[in-house]
């Protein structure tokens, strides 16, 4: 039954594309794909809404979850420090290459003596 396999494959692909498209729409609509300040604001709202939602799920399903650890993480700060480190490495790269080249040449001169 090759037609049923093709239909199943198409249905799976359509389901995955629909879920991915829906997730992308929700991310765009909520502002996660905007600037860093807008993304941080949305993450702050999500962090504030998450504990009440978990409490509702616990009441509904009737089981207890362990306490969530408190994590002080700001994506904007992590992004900025990563950008600063990358730019710093790129800006000092030519100087470092020149220094290493001079050291290598000096080492070869010392070996030739």
PDB file of N, CA and C in Angstrom:
ATOM      1  N   UNK A   1       0.839  -1.186   0.000  1.00  0.00           N
ATOM      2  CA  UNK A   1       0.000   0.000   0.000  1.00  0.00           C
ATOM      3  C   UNK A   1       0.883   1.249   0.000  1.00  0.00           C
ATOM      4  N   UNK A   2       1.477   1.570  -1.106  1.00  0.00           N
ATOM      5  CA  UNK A   2       2.344   2.744  -1.176  1.00  0.00           C
ATOM      6  C   UNK A   2       1.582   4.048  -0.975  1.00  0.00           C
ATOM      7  N   UNK A   3       0.320   4.099  -1.364  1.00  0.00           N
ATOM      8  CA  UNK A   3      -0.442   5.333  -1.207  1.00  0.00           C
ATOM      9  C   UNK A   3      -0.657   5.686   0.263  1.00  0.00           C
ATOM     10  N   UNK A   4      -0.850   4.687   1.114  1.00  0.00           N
ATOM     11  CA  UNK A   4      -1.065   4.975   2.529  1.00  0.00           C
ATOM     12  C   UNK A   4       0.221   5.488   3.178  1.00  0.00           C
ATOM     13  N   UNK A   5       1.383   4.971   2.770  1.00  0.00           N
ATOM     14  CA  UNK A   5       2.649   5.469   3.296  1.00  0.00           C
ATOM     15  C   UNK A   5       2.884   6.908   2.873  1.00  0.00           C
ATOM     16  N   UNK A   6       2.558   7.217   1.643  1.00  0.00           N
ATOM     17  CA  UNK A   6       2.709   8.580   1.144  1.00  0.00           C
ATOM     18  C   UNK A   6       1.761   9.523   1.882  1.00  0.00           C
ATOM     19  N   UNK A   7       0.553   9.073   2.137  1.00  0.00           N
ATOM     20  CA  UNK A   7      -0.419   9.884   2.861  1.00  0.00           C
ATOM     21  C   UNK A   7       0.049  10.122   4.294  1.00  0.00           C
ATOM     22  N   UNK A   8       0.561   9.076   4.943  1.00  0.00           N
ATOM     23  CA  UNK A   8       1.061   9.232   6.317  1.00  0.00           C
ATOM     24  C   UNK A   8       2.236  10.197   6.354  1.00  0.00           C
ATOM     25  N   UNK A   9       3.137  10.076   5.407  1.00  0.00           N
ATOM     26  CA  UNK A   9       4.298  10.971   5.348  1.00  0.00           C
ATOM     27  C   UNK A   9       3.851  12.406   5.131  1.00  0.00           C
ATOM     28  N   UNK A  10       2.909  12.599   4.224  1.00  0.00           N
ATOM     29  CA  UNK A  10       2.405  13.947   3.967  1.00  0.00           C
ATOM     30  C   UNK A  10       1.713  14.526   5.202  1.00  0.00           C
ATOM     31  N   UNK A  11       0.922  13.698   5.889  1.00  0.00           N
ATOM     32  CA  UNK A  11       0.233  14.169   7.098  1.00  0.00           C
ATOM     33  C   UNK A  11       1.233  14.550   8.194  1.00  0.00           C
ATOM     34  N   UNK A  12       2.281  13.751   8.359  1.00  0.00           N
ATOM     35  CA  UNK A  12       3.302  14.083   9.348  1.00  0.00           C
ATOM     36  C   UNK A  12       4.005  15.383   8.998  1.00  0.00           C
ATOM     37  N   UNK A  13       4.362  15.538   7.724  1.00  0.00           N
ATOM     38  CA  UNK A  13       5.030  16.763   7.285  1.00  0.00           C
ATOM     39  C   UNK A  13       4.115  17.969   7.473  1.00  0.00           C
ATOM     40  N   UNK A  14       2.853  17.834   7.110  1.00  0.00           N
ATOM     41  CA  UNK A  14       1.907  18.942   7.266  1.00  0.00           C
ATOM     42  C   UNK A  14       1.726  19.306   8.737  1.00  0.00           C
ATOM     43  N   UNK A  15       1.687  18.310   9.598  1.00  0.00           N
ATOM     44  CA  UNK A  15       1.559  18.570  11.034  1.00  0.00           C
ATOM     45  C   UNK A  15       2.779  19.309  11.564  1.00  0.00           C
ATOM     46  N   UNK A  16       3.971  18.871  11.178  1.00  0.00           N
ATOM     47  CA  UNK A  16       5.202  19.520  11.637  1.00  0.00           C
ATOM     48  C   UNK A  16       5.289  20.954  11.131  1.00  0.00           C
ATOM     49  N   UNK A  17       4.939  21.165   9.864  1.00  0.00           N
ATOM     50  CA  UNK A  17       4.987  22.516   9.300  1.00  0.00           C
ATOM     51  C   UNK A  17       3.972  23.416   9.992  1.00  0.00           C
ATOM     52  N   UNK A  18       2.794  22.888  10.293  1.00  0.00           N
ATOM     53  CA  UNK A  18       1.768  23.668  10.981  1.00  0.00           C
ATOM     54  C   UNK A  18       2.222  24.046  12.386  1.00  0.00           C
ATOM     55  N   UNK A  19       2.806  23.108  13.119  1.00  0.00           N
ATOM     56  CA  UNK A  19       3.285  23.397  14.471  1.00  0.00           C
ATOM     57  C   UNK A  19       4.417  24.416  14.435  1.00  0.00           C
ATOM     58  N   UNK A  20       5.366  24.231  13.519  1.00  0.00           N
ATOM     59  CA  UNK A  20       6.482  25.177  13.410  1.00  0.00           C
ATOM     60  C   UNK A  20       5.988  26.560  13.011  1.00  0.00           C
ATOM     61  N   UNK A  21       5.059  26.619  12.079  1.00  0.00           N
ATOM     62  CA  UNK A  21       4.494  27.909  11.664  1.00  0.00           C
ATOM     63  C   UNK A  21       3.738  28.576  12.792  1.00  0.00           C
ATOM     64  N   UNK A  22       2.996  27.798  13.553  1.00  0.00           N
ATOM     65  CA  UNK A  22       2.272  28.358  14.695  1.00  0.00           C
ATOM     66  C   UNK A  22       3.214  28.883  15.756  1.00  0.00           C
ATOM     67  N   UNK A  23       4.284  28.140  16.034  1.00  0.00           N
ATOM     68  CA  UNK A  23       5.273  28.593  17.026  1.00  0.00           C
ATOM     69  C   UNK A  23       5.955  29.875  16.553  1.00  0.00           C
ATOM     70  N   UNK A  24       6.282  29.933  15.265  1.00  0.00           N
ATOM     71  CA  UNK A  24       6.904  31.140  14.719  1.00  0.00           C
ATOM     72  C   UNK A  24       5.948  32.327  14.791  1.00  0.00           C
ATOM     73  N   UNK A  25       4.672  32.103  14.491  1.00  0.00           N
ATOM     74  CA  UNK A  25       3.691  33.184  14.570  1.00  0.00           C
ATOM     75  C   UNK A  25       3.549  33.692  16.004  1.00  0.00           C
ATOM     76  N   UNK A  26       3.473  32.770  16.963  1.00  0.00           N
ATOM     77  CA  UNK A  26       3.327  33.171  18.364  1.00  0.00           C
ATOM     78  C   UNK A  26       4.564  33.946  18.814  1.00  0.00           C
ATOM     79  N   UNK A  27       5.751  33.481  18.425  1.00  0.00           N
ATOM     80  CA  UNK A  27       6.983  34.184  18.799  1.00  0.00           C
ATOM     81  C   UNK A  27       7.013  35.581  18.185  1.00  0.00           C
ATOM     82  N   UNK A  28       6.602  35.700  16.933  1.00  0.00           N
ATOM     83  CA  UNK A  28       6.592  37.009  16.269  1.00  0.00           C
ATOM     84  C   UNK A  28       5.530  37.918  16.881  1.00  0.00           C
ATOM     85  N   UNK A  29       4.352  37.369  17.117  1.00  0.00           N
ATOM     86  CA  UNK A  29       3.244  38.160  17.638  1.00  0.00           C
ATOM     87  C   UNK A  29       3.512  38.647  19.065  1.00  0.00           C
ATOM     88  N   UNK A  30       4.209  37.827  19.867  1.00  0.00           N
ATOM     89  CA  UNK A  30       4.482  38.232  21.246  1.00  0.00           C
ATOM     90  C   UNK A  30       5.676  39.167  21.346  1.00  0.00           C
ATOM     91  N   UNK A  31       6.462  39.308  20.297  1.00  0.00           N
ATOM     92  CA  UNK A  31       7.572  40.246  20.295  1.00  0.00           C
ATOM     93  C   UNK A  31       8.930  39.619  20.559  1.00  0.00           C
ATOM     94  N   UNK A  32       9.011  38.289  20.587  1.00  0.00           N
ATOM     95  CA  UNK A  32      10.293  37.641  20.839  1.00  0.00           C
ATOM     96  C   UNK A  32      11.290  37.855  19.701  1.00  0.00           C
ATOM     97  N   UNK A  33      10.799  38.122  18.518  1.00  0.00           N
ATOM     98  CA  UNK A  33      11.698  38.311  17.381  1.00  0.00           C
ATOM     99  C   UNK A  33      12.046  39.775  17.165  1.00  0.00           C
ATOM    100  N   UNK A  34      11.641  40.629  18.084  1.00  0.00           N
ATOM    101  CA  UNK A  34      11.955  42.047  17.995  1.00  0.00           C
ATOM    102  C   UNK A  34      13.345  42.326  18.538  1.00  0.00           C
ATOM    103  N   UNK A  35      13.553  43.542  18.992  1.00  0.00           N
ATOM    104  CA  UNK A  35      14.844  43.936  19.545  1.00  0.00           C
ATOM    105  C   UNK A  35      15.109  43.278  20.888  1.00  0.00           C
ATOM    106  N   UNK A  36      16.317  43.488  21.402  1.00  0.00           N
ATOM    107  CA  UNK A  36      16.697  42.836  22.652  1.00  0.00           C
ATOM    108  C   UNK A  36      15.870  43.345  23.829  1.00  0.00           C
ATOM    109  N   UNK A  37      15.543  44.630  23.827  1.00  0.00           N
ATOM    110  CA  UNK A  37      14.736  45.177  24.933  1.00  0.00           C
ATOM    111  C   UNK A  37      13.327  44.598  24.902  1.00  0.00           C
ATOM    112  N   UNK A  38      12.765  44.504  23.703  1.00  0.00           N
ATOM    113  CA  UNK A  38      11.422  43.950  23.569  1.00  0.00           C
ATOM    114  C   UNK A  38      11.421  42.471  23.958  1.00  0.00           C
ATOM    115  N   UNK A  39      12.454  41.718  23.563  1.00  0.00           N
ATOM    116  CA  UNK A  39      12.557  40.312  23.929  1.00  0.00           C
ATOM    117  C   UNK A  39      12.700  40.128  25.427  1.00  0.00           C
ATOM    118  N   UNK A  40      13.495  40.989  26.063  1.00  0.00           N
ATOM    119  CA  UNK A  40      13.655  40.905  27.520  1.00  0.00           C
ATOM    120  C   UNK A  40      12.344  41.190  28.231  1.00  0.00           C
ATOM    121  N   UNK A  41      11.589  42.137  27.706  1.00  0.00           N
ATOM    122  CA  UNK A  41      10.288  42.461  28.292  1.00  0.00           C
ATOM    123  C   UNK A  41       9.343  41.266  28.200  1.00  0.00           C
ATOM    124  N   UNK A  42       9.315  40.610  27.045  1.00  0.00           N
ATOM    125  CA  UNK A  42       8.450  39.448  26.863  1.00  0.00           C
ATOM    126  C   UNK A  42       8.892  38.310  27.776  1.00  0.00           C
ATOM    127  N   UNK A  43      10.209  38.095  27.895  1.00  0.00           N
ATOM    128  CA  UNK A  43      10.688  37.045  28.798  1.00  0.00           C
ATOM    129  C   UNK A  43      10.348  37.351  30.249  1.00  0.00           C
ATOM    130  N   UNK A  44      10.389  38.630  30.624  1.00  0.00           N
ATOM    131  CA  UNK A  44       9.991  39.013  31.976  1.00  0.00           C
ATOM    132  C   UNK A  44       8.526  38.711  32.230  1.00  0.00           C
ATOM    133  N   UNK A  45       7.674  38.995  31.237  1.00  0.00           N
ATOM    134  CA  UNK A  45       6.252  38.675  31.366  1.00  0.00           C
ATOM    135  C   UNK A  45       6.041  37.165  31.480  1.00  0.00           C
ATOM    136  N   UNK A  46       6.789  36.404  30.682  1.00  0.00           N
ATOM    137  CA  UNK A  46       6.649  34.943  30.728  1.00  0.00           C
ATOM    138  C   UNK A  46       7.114  34.401  32.077  1.00  0.00           C
ATOM    139  N   UNK A  47       8.201  34.978  32.607  1.00  0.00           N
ATOM    140  CA  UNK A  47       8.708  34.532  33.913  1.00  0.00           C
ATOM    141  C   UNK A  47       7.691  34.830  35.007  1.00  0.00           C
ATOM    142  N   UNK A  48       6.980  35.951  34.889  1.00  0.00           N
ATOM    143  CA  UNK A  48       5.966  36.304  35.880  1.00  0.00           C
ATOM    144  C   UNK A  48       4.728  35.418  35.752  1.00  0.00           C
ATOM    145  N   UNK A  49       4.412  34.977  34.532  1.00  0.00           N
ATOM    146  CA  UNK A  49       3.206  34.178  34.311  1.00  0.00           C
ATOM    147  C   UNK A  49       3.439  32.695  34.544  1.00  0.00           C
ATOM    148  N   UNK A  50       4.677  32.250  34.546  1.00  0.00           N
ATOM    149  CA  UNK A  50       4.960  30.822  34.641  1.00  0.00           C
ATOM    150  C   UNK A  50       4.555  30.201  35.976  1.00  0.00           C
ATOM    151  N   UNK A  51       4.925  30.775  37.132  1.00  0.00           N
ATOM    152  CA  UNK A  51       4.540  30.136  38.408  1.00  0.00           C
ATOM    153  C   UNK A  51       3.026  29.976  38.595  1.00  0.00           C
ATOM    154  N   UNK A  52       2.190  30.993  38.267  1.00  0.00           N
ATOM    155  CA  UNK A  52       0.749  30.763  38.406  1.00  0.00           C
ATOM    156  C   UNK A  52       0.241  29.649  37.491  1.00  0.00           C
ATOM    157  N   UNK A  53       0.811  29.541  36.304  1.00  0.00           N
ATOM    158  CA  UNK A  53       0.380  28.483  35.391  1.00  0.00           C
ATOM    159  C   UNK A  53       0.746  27.113  35.959  1.00  0.00           C
ATOM    160  N   UNK A  54       1.918  26.990  36.544  1.00  0.00           N
ATOM    161  CA  UNK A  54       2.331  25.721  37.148  1.00  0.00           C
ATOM    162  C   UNK A  54       1.417  25.379  38.312  1.00  0.00           C
ATOM    163  N   UNK A  55       1.055  26.370  39.116  1.00  0.00           N
ATOM    164  CA  UNK A  55       0.133  26.123  40.232  1.00  0.00           C
ATOM    165  C   UNK A  55      -1.210  25.601  39.731  1.00  0.00           C
ATOM    166  N   UNK A  56      -1.689  26.167  38.643  1.00  0.00           N
ATOM    167  CA  UNK A  56      -2.959  25.697  38.077  1.00  0.00           C
ATOM    168  C   UNK A  56      -2.831  24.260  37.580  1.00  0.00           C
ATOM    169  N   UNK A  57      -1.706  23.929  36.930  1.00  0.00           N
ATOM    170  CA  UNK A  57      -1.511  22.563  36.450  1.00  0.00           C
ATOM    171  C   UNK A  57      -1.436  21.586  37.614  1.00  0.00           C
ATOM    172  N   UNK A  58      -0.767  21.997  38.698  1.00  0.00           N
ATOM    173  CA  UNK A  58      -0.654  21.128  39.870  1.00  0.00           C
ATOM    174  C   UNK A  58      -2.035  20.857  40.449  1.00  0.00           C
ATOM    175  N   UNK A  59      -2.860  21.893  40.554  1.00  0.00           N
ATOM    176  CA  UNK A  59      -4.226  21.711  41.084  1.00  0.00           C
ATOM    177  C   UNK A  59      -5.043  20.813  40.160  1.00  0.00           C
ATOM    178  N   UNK A  60      -4.868  20.988  38.847  1.00  0.00           N
ATOM    179  CA  UNK A  60      -5.661  20.225  37.882  1.00  0.00           C
ATOM    180  C   UNK A  60      -5.253  18.759  37.865  1.00  0.00           C
ATOM    181  N   UNK A  61      -3.932  18.500  37.792  1.00  0.00           N
ATOM    182  CA  UNK A  61      -3.462  17.126  37.669  1.00  0.00           C
ATOM    183  C   UNK A  61      -3.277  16.441  39.021  1.00  0.00           C
ATOM    184  N   UNK A  62      -3.174  17.196  40.107  1.00  0.00           N
ATOM    185  CA  UNK A  62      -3.109  16.619  41.432  1.00  0.00           C
ATOM    186  C   UNK A  62      -1.766  16.029  41.822  1.00  0.00           C
ATOM    187  N   UNK A  63      -0.673  16.545  41.298  1.00  0.00           N
ATOM    188  CA  UNK A  63       0.642  16.087  41.737  1.00  0.00           C
ATOM    189  C   UNK A  63       1.504  17.298  42.051  1.00  0.00           C
ATOM    190  N   UNK A  64       2.509  17.066  42.876  1.00  0.00           N
ATOM    191  CA  UNK A  64       3.367  18.158  43.343  1.00  0.00           C
ATOM    192  C   UNK A  64       4.689  18.154  42.582  1.00  0.00           C
ATOM    193  N   UNK A  65       5.108  19.320  42.155  1.00  0.00           N
ATOM    194  CA  UNK A  65       6.389  19.472  41.473  1.00  0.00           C
ATOM    195  C   UNK A  65       7.427  20.014  42.448  1.00  0.00           C
ATOM    196  N   UNK A  66       8.697  19.663  42.247  1.00  0.00           N
ATOM    197  CA  UNK A  66       9.734  20.253  43.110  1.00  0.00           C
ATOM    198  C   UNK A  66       9.859  21.740  42.825  1.00  0.00           C
ATOM    199  N   UNK A  67      10.390  22.470  43.790  1.00  0.00           N
ATOM    200  CA  UNK A  67      10.539  23.916  43.631  1.00  0.00           C
ATOM    201  C   UNK A  67      11.549  24.215  42.533  1.00  0.00           C
ATOM    202  N   UNK A  68      11.256  25.246  41.747  1.00  0.00           N
ATOM    203  CA  UNK A  68      12.153  25.641  40.678  1.00  0.00           C
ATOM    204  C   UNK A  68      13.291  26.478  41.251  1.00  0.00           C
ATOM    205  N   UNK A  69      14.499  26.247  40.772  1.00  0.00           N
ATOM    206  CA  UNK A  69      15.610  27.064  41.269  1.00  0.00           C
ATOM    207  C   UNK A  69      15.511  28.492  40.740  1.00  0.00           C
ATOM    208  N   UNK A  70      15.983  29.422  41.530  1.00  0.00           N
ATOM    209  CA  UNK A  70      15.998  30.824  41.118  1.00  0.00           C
ATOM    210  C   UNK A  70      17.273  31.064  40.312  1.00  0.00           C
ATOM    211  N   UNK A  71      17.097  31.531  39.107  1.00  0.00           N
ATOM    212  CA  UNK A  71      18.241  31.789  38.230  1.00  0.00           C
ATOM    213  C   UNK A  71      18.193  33.250  37.825  1.00  0.00           C
ATOM    214  N   UNK A  72      19.235  33.977  38.152  1.00  0.00           N
ATOM    215  CA  UNK A  72      19.332  35.372  37.751  1.00  0.00           C
ATOM    216  C   UNK A  72      20.079  35.470  36.437  1.00  0.00           C
ATOM    217  N   UNK A  73      19.345  35.449  35.332  1.00  0.00           N
ATOM    218  CA  UNK A  73      19.970  35.452  34.014  1.00  0.00           C
ATOM    219  C   UNK A  73      19.291  36.508  33.162  1.00  0.00           C
ATOM    220  N   UNK A  74      20.077  37.395  32.629  1.00  0.00           N
ATOM    221  CA  UNK A  74      19.549  38.413  31.727  1.00  0.00           C
ATOM    222  C   UNK A  74      20.120  38.152  30.336  1.00  0.00           C
ATOM    223  N   UNK A  75      19.281  37.739  29.386  1.00  0.00           N
ATOM    224  CA  UNK A  75      19.780  37.439  28.039  1.00  0.00           C
ATOM    225  C   UNK A  75      20.474  38.627  27.384  1.00  0.00           C
ATOM    226  N   UNK A  76      20.019  39.825  27.674  1.00  0.00           N
ATOM    227  CA  UNK A  76      20.628  41.008  27.066  1.00  0.00           C
ATOM    228  C   UNK A  76      22.068  41.146  27.532  1.00  0.00           C
ATOM    229  N   UNK A  77      22.323  40.934  28.826  1.00  0.00           N
ATOM    230  CA  UNK A  77      23.681  41.043  29.343  1.00  0.00           C
ATOM    231  C   UNK A  77      24.578  39.953  28.763  1.00  0.00           C
ATOM    232  N   UNK A  78      24.059  38.738  28.651  1.00  0.00           N
ATOM    233  CA  UNK A  78      24.853  37.649  28.087  1.00  0.00           C
ATOM    234  C   UNK A  78      25.171  37.938  26.624  1.00  0.00           C
ATOM    235  N   UNK A  79      24.196  38.433  25.886  1.00  0.00           N
ATOM    236  CA  UNK A  79      24.410  38.767  24.483  1.00  0.00           C
ATOM    237  C   UNK A  79      25.457  39.859  24.369  1.00  0.00           C
ATOM    238  N   UNK A  80      25.309  40.906  25.168  1.00  0.00           N
ATOM    239  CA  UNK A  80      26.244  42.022  25.088  1.00  0.00           C
ATOM    240  C   UNK A  80      27.656  41.594  25.451  1.00  0.00           C
ATOM    241  N   UNK A  81      27.816  40.763  26.480  1.00  0.00           N
ATOM    242  CA  UNK A  81      29.163  40.332  26.848  1.00  0.00           C
ATOM    243  C   UNK A  81      29.762  39.455  25.756  1.00  0.00           C
ATOM    244  N   UNK A  82      28.938  38.656  25.102  1.00  0.00           N
ATOM    245  CA  UNK A  82      29.425  37.843  23.984  1.00  0.00           C
ATOM    246  C   UNK A  82      29.862  38.701  22.816  1.00  0.00           C
ATOM    247  N   UNK A  83      29.093  39.733  22.525  1.00  0.00           N
ATOM    248  CA  UNK A  83      29.445  40.642  21.433  1.00  0.00           C
ATOM    249  C   UNK A  83      30.736  41.380  21.769  1.00  0.00           C
ATOM    250  N   UNK A  84      30.848  41.864  23.007  1.00  0.00           N
ATOM    251  CA  UNK A  84      32.068  42.572  23.416  1.00  0.00           C
ATOM    252  C   UNK A  84      33.290  41.659  23.317  1.00  0.00           C
ATOM    253  N   UNK A  85      33.168  40.420  23.763  1.00  0.00           N
ATOM    254  CA  UNK A  85      34.294  39.484  23.704  1.00  0.00           C
ATOM    255  C   UNK A  85      34.698  39.202  22.265  1.00  0.00           C
ATOM    256  N   UNK A  86      33.706  39.009  21.405  1.00  0.00           N
ATOM    257  CA  UNK A  86      34.004  38.721  19.997  1.00  0.00           C
ATOM    258  C   UNK A  86      34.683  39.896  19.321  1.00  0.00           C
ATOM    259  N   UNK A  87      34.162  41.085  19.534  1.00  0.00           N
ATOM    260  CA  UNK A  87      34.753  42.273  18.911  1.00  0.00           C
ATOM    261  C   UNK A  87      36.151  42.515  19.469  1.00  0.00           C
ATOM    262  N   UNK A  88      36.340  42.300  20.753  1.00  0.00           N
ATOM    263  CA  UNK A  88      37.660  42.471  21.361  1.00  0.00           C
ATOM    264  C   UNK A  88      38.662  41.496  20.755  1.00  0.00           C
ATOM    265  N   UNK A  89      38.245  40.249  20.584  1.00  0.00           N
ATOM    266  CA  UNK A  89      39.140  39.252  19.987  1.00  0.00           C
ATOM    267  C   UNK A  89      39.464  39.610  18.545  1.00  0.00           C
ATOM    268  N   UNK A  90      38.468  40.080  17.798  1.00  0.00           N
ATOM    269  CA  UNK A  90      38.707  40.460  16.406  1.00  0.00           C
ATOM    270  C   UNK A  90      39.614  41.682  16.301  1.00  0.00           C
ATOM    271  N   UNK A  91      39.446  42.633  17.202  1.00  0.00           N
ATOM    272  CA  UNK A  91      40.255  43.846  17.117  1.00  0.00           C
ATOM    273  C   UNK A  91      41.698  43.602  17.534  1.00  0.00           C
ATOM    274  N   UNK A  92      41.930  42.663  18.462  1.00  0.00           N
ATOM    275  CA  UNK A  92      43.298  42.386  18.885  1.00  0.00           C
ATOM    276  C   UNK A  92      43.946  41.291  18.039  1.00  0.00           C
ATOM    277  N   UNK A  93      43.198  40.705  17.129  1.00  0.00           N
ATOM    278  CA  UNK A  93      43.709  39.618  16.296  1.00  0.00           C
ATOM    279  C   UNK A  93      44.932  39.969  15.472  1.00  0.00           C
ATOM    280  N   UNK A  94      44.901  41.046  14.697  1.00  0.00           N
ATOM    281  CA  UNK A  94      46.082  41.377  13.886  1.00  0.00           C
ATOM    282  C   UNK A  94      47.338  41.622  14.726  1.00  0.00           C
ATOM    283  N   UNK A  95      47.181  42.283  15.867  1.00  0.00           N
ATOM    284  CA  UNK A  95      48.329  42.523  16.745  1.00  0.00           C
ATOM    285  C   UNK A  95      48.873  41.213  17.287  1.00  0.00           C
ATOM    286  N   UNK A  96      47.979  40.326  17.705  1.00  0.00           N
ATOM    287  CA  UNK A  96      48.408  39.041  18.246  1.00  0.00           C
ATOM    288  C   UNK A  96      49.107  38.211  17.174  1.00  0.00           C
ATOM    289  N   UNK A  97      48.600  38.219  15.953  1.00  0.00           N
ATOM    290  CA  UNK A  97      49.229  37.469  14.864  1.00  0.00           C
ATOM    291  C   UNK A  97      50.627  38.021  14.596  1.00  0.00           C
ATOM    292  N   UNK A  98      50.752  39.341  14.587  1.00  0.00           N
ATOM    293  CA  UNK A  98      52.068  39.956  14.395  1.00  0.00           C
ATOM    294  C   UNK A  98      53.037  39.569  15.500  1.00  0.00           C
ATOM    295  N   UNK A  99      52.575  39.588  16.745  1.00  0.00           N
ATOM    296  CA  UNK A  99      53.427  39.205  17.878  1.00  0.00           C
ATOM    297  C   UNK A  99      53.863  37.746  17.775  1.00  0.00           C
ATOM    298  N   UNK A 100      52.917  36.861  17.455  1.00  0.00           N
ATOM    299  CA  UNK A 100      53.252  35.442  17.331  1.00  0.00           C
ATOM    300  C   UNK A 100      54.206  35.201  16.168  1.00  0.00           C
ATOM    301  N   UNK A 101      54.037  35.944  15.078  1.00  0.00           N
ATOM    302  CA  UNK A 101      54.945  35.818  13.936  1.00  0.00           C
ATOM    303  C   UNK A 101      56.354  36.244  14.325  1.00  0.00           C
ATOM    304  N   UNK A 102      56.468  37.365  15.020  1.00  0.00           N
ATOM    305  CA  UNK A 102      57.787  37.822  15.479  1.00  0.00           C
ATOM    306  C   UNK A 102      58.431  36.825  16.435  1.00  0.00           C
ATOM    307  N   UNK A 103      57.638  36.256  17.329  1.00  0.00           N
ATOM    308  CA  UNK A 103      58.162  35.261  18.256  1.00  0.00           C
ATOM    309  C   UNK A 103      58.637  34.021  17.502  1.00  0.00           C
ATOM    310  N   UNK A 104      57.860  33.604  16.515  1.00  0.00           N
ATOM    311  CA  UNK A 104      58.243  32.449  15.705  1.00  0.00           C
ATOM    312  C   UNK A 104      59.526  32.699  14.929  1.00  0.00           C
ATOM    313  N   UNK A 105      59.638  33.887  14.332  1.00  0.00           N
ATOM    314  CA  UNK A 105      60.857  34.229  13.597  1.00  0.00           C
ATOM    315  C   UNK A 105      62.063  34.294  14.532  1.00  0.00           C
ATOM    316  N   UNK A 106      61.867  34.850  15.719  1.00  0.00           N
ATOM    317  CA  UNK A 106      62.964  34.913  16.695  1.00  0.00           C
ATOM    318  C   UNK A 106      63.384  33.509  17.115  1.00  0.00           C
ATOM    319  N   UNK A 107      62.408  32.631  17.295  1.00  0.00           N
ATOM    320  CA  UNK A 107      62.697  31.244  17.669  1.00  0.00           C
ATOM    321  C   UNK A 107      63.520  30.556  16.567  1.00  0.00           C
ATOM    322  N   UNK A 108      63.115  30.789  15.286  1.00  0.00           N
ATOM    323  CA  UNK A 108      63.861  30.193  14.180  1.00  0.00           C
ATOM    324  C   UNK A 108      65.265  30.760  14.087  1.00  0.00           C
ATOM    325  N   UNK A 109      65.420  32.054  14.341  1.00  0.00           N
ATOM    326  CA  UNK A 109      66.761  32.682  14.329  1.00  0.00           C
ATOM    327  C   UNK A 109      67.631  32.065  15.435  1.00  0.00           C
ATOM    328  N   UNK A 110      67.014  31.852  16.611  1.00  0.00           N
ATOM    329  CA  UNK A 110      67.759  31.273  17.726  1.00  0.00           C
ATOM    330  C   UNK A 110      68.188  29.838  17.417  1.00  0.00           C
ATOM    331  N   UNK A 111      67.339  29.101  16.697  1.00  0.00           N
ATOM    332  CA  UNK A 111      67.674  27.738  16.328  1.00  0.00           C
ATOM    333  C   UNK A 111      68.802  27.706  15.296  1.00  0.00           C
ATOM    334  N   UNK A 112      68.838  28.704  14.416  1.00  0.00           N
ATOM    335  CA  UNK A 112      69.835  28.746  13.352  1.00  0.00           C
ATOM    336  C   UNK A 112      71.222  29.109  13.875  1.00  0.00           C
ATOM    337  N   UNK A 113      71.327  29.665  15.056  1.00  0.00           N
ATOM    338  CA  UNK A 113      72.645  30.087  15.611  1.00  0.00           C
ATOM    339  C   UNK A 113      73.514  28.918  15.910  1.00  0.00           C
TER     340      UNK A 113
END
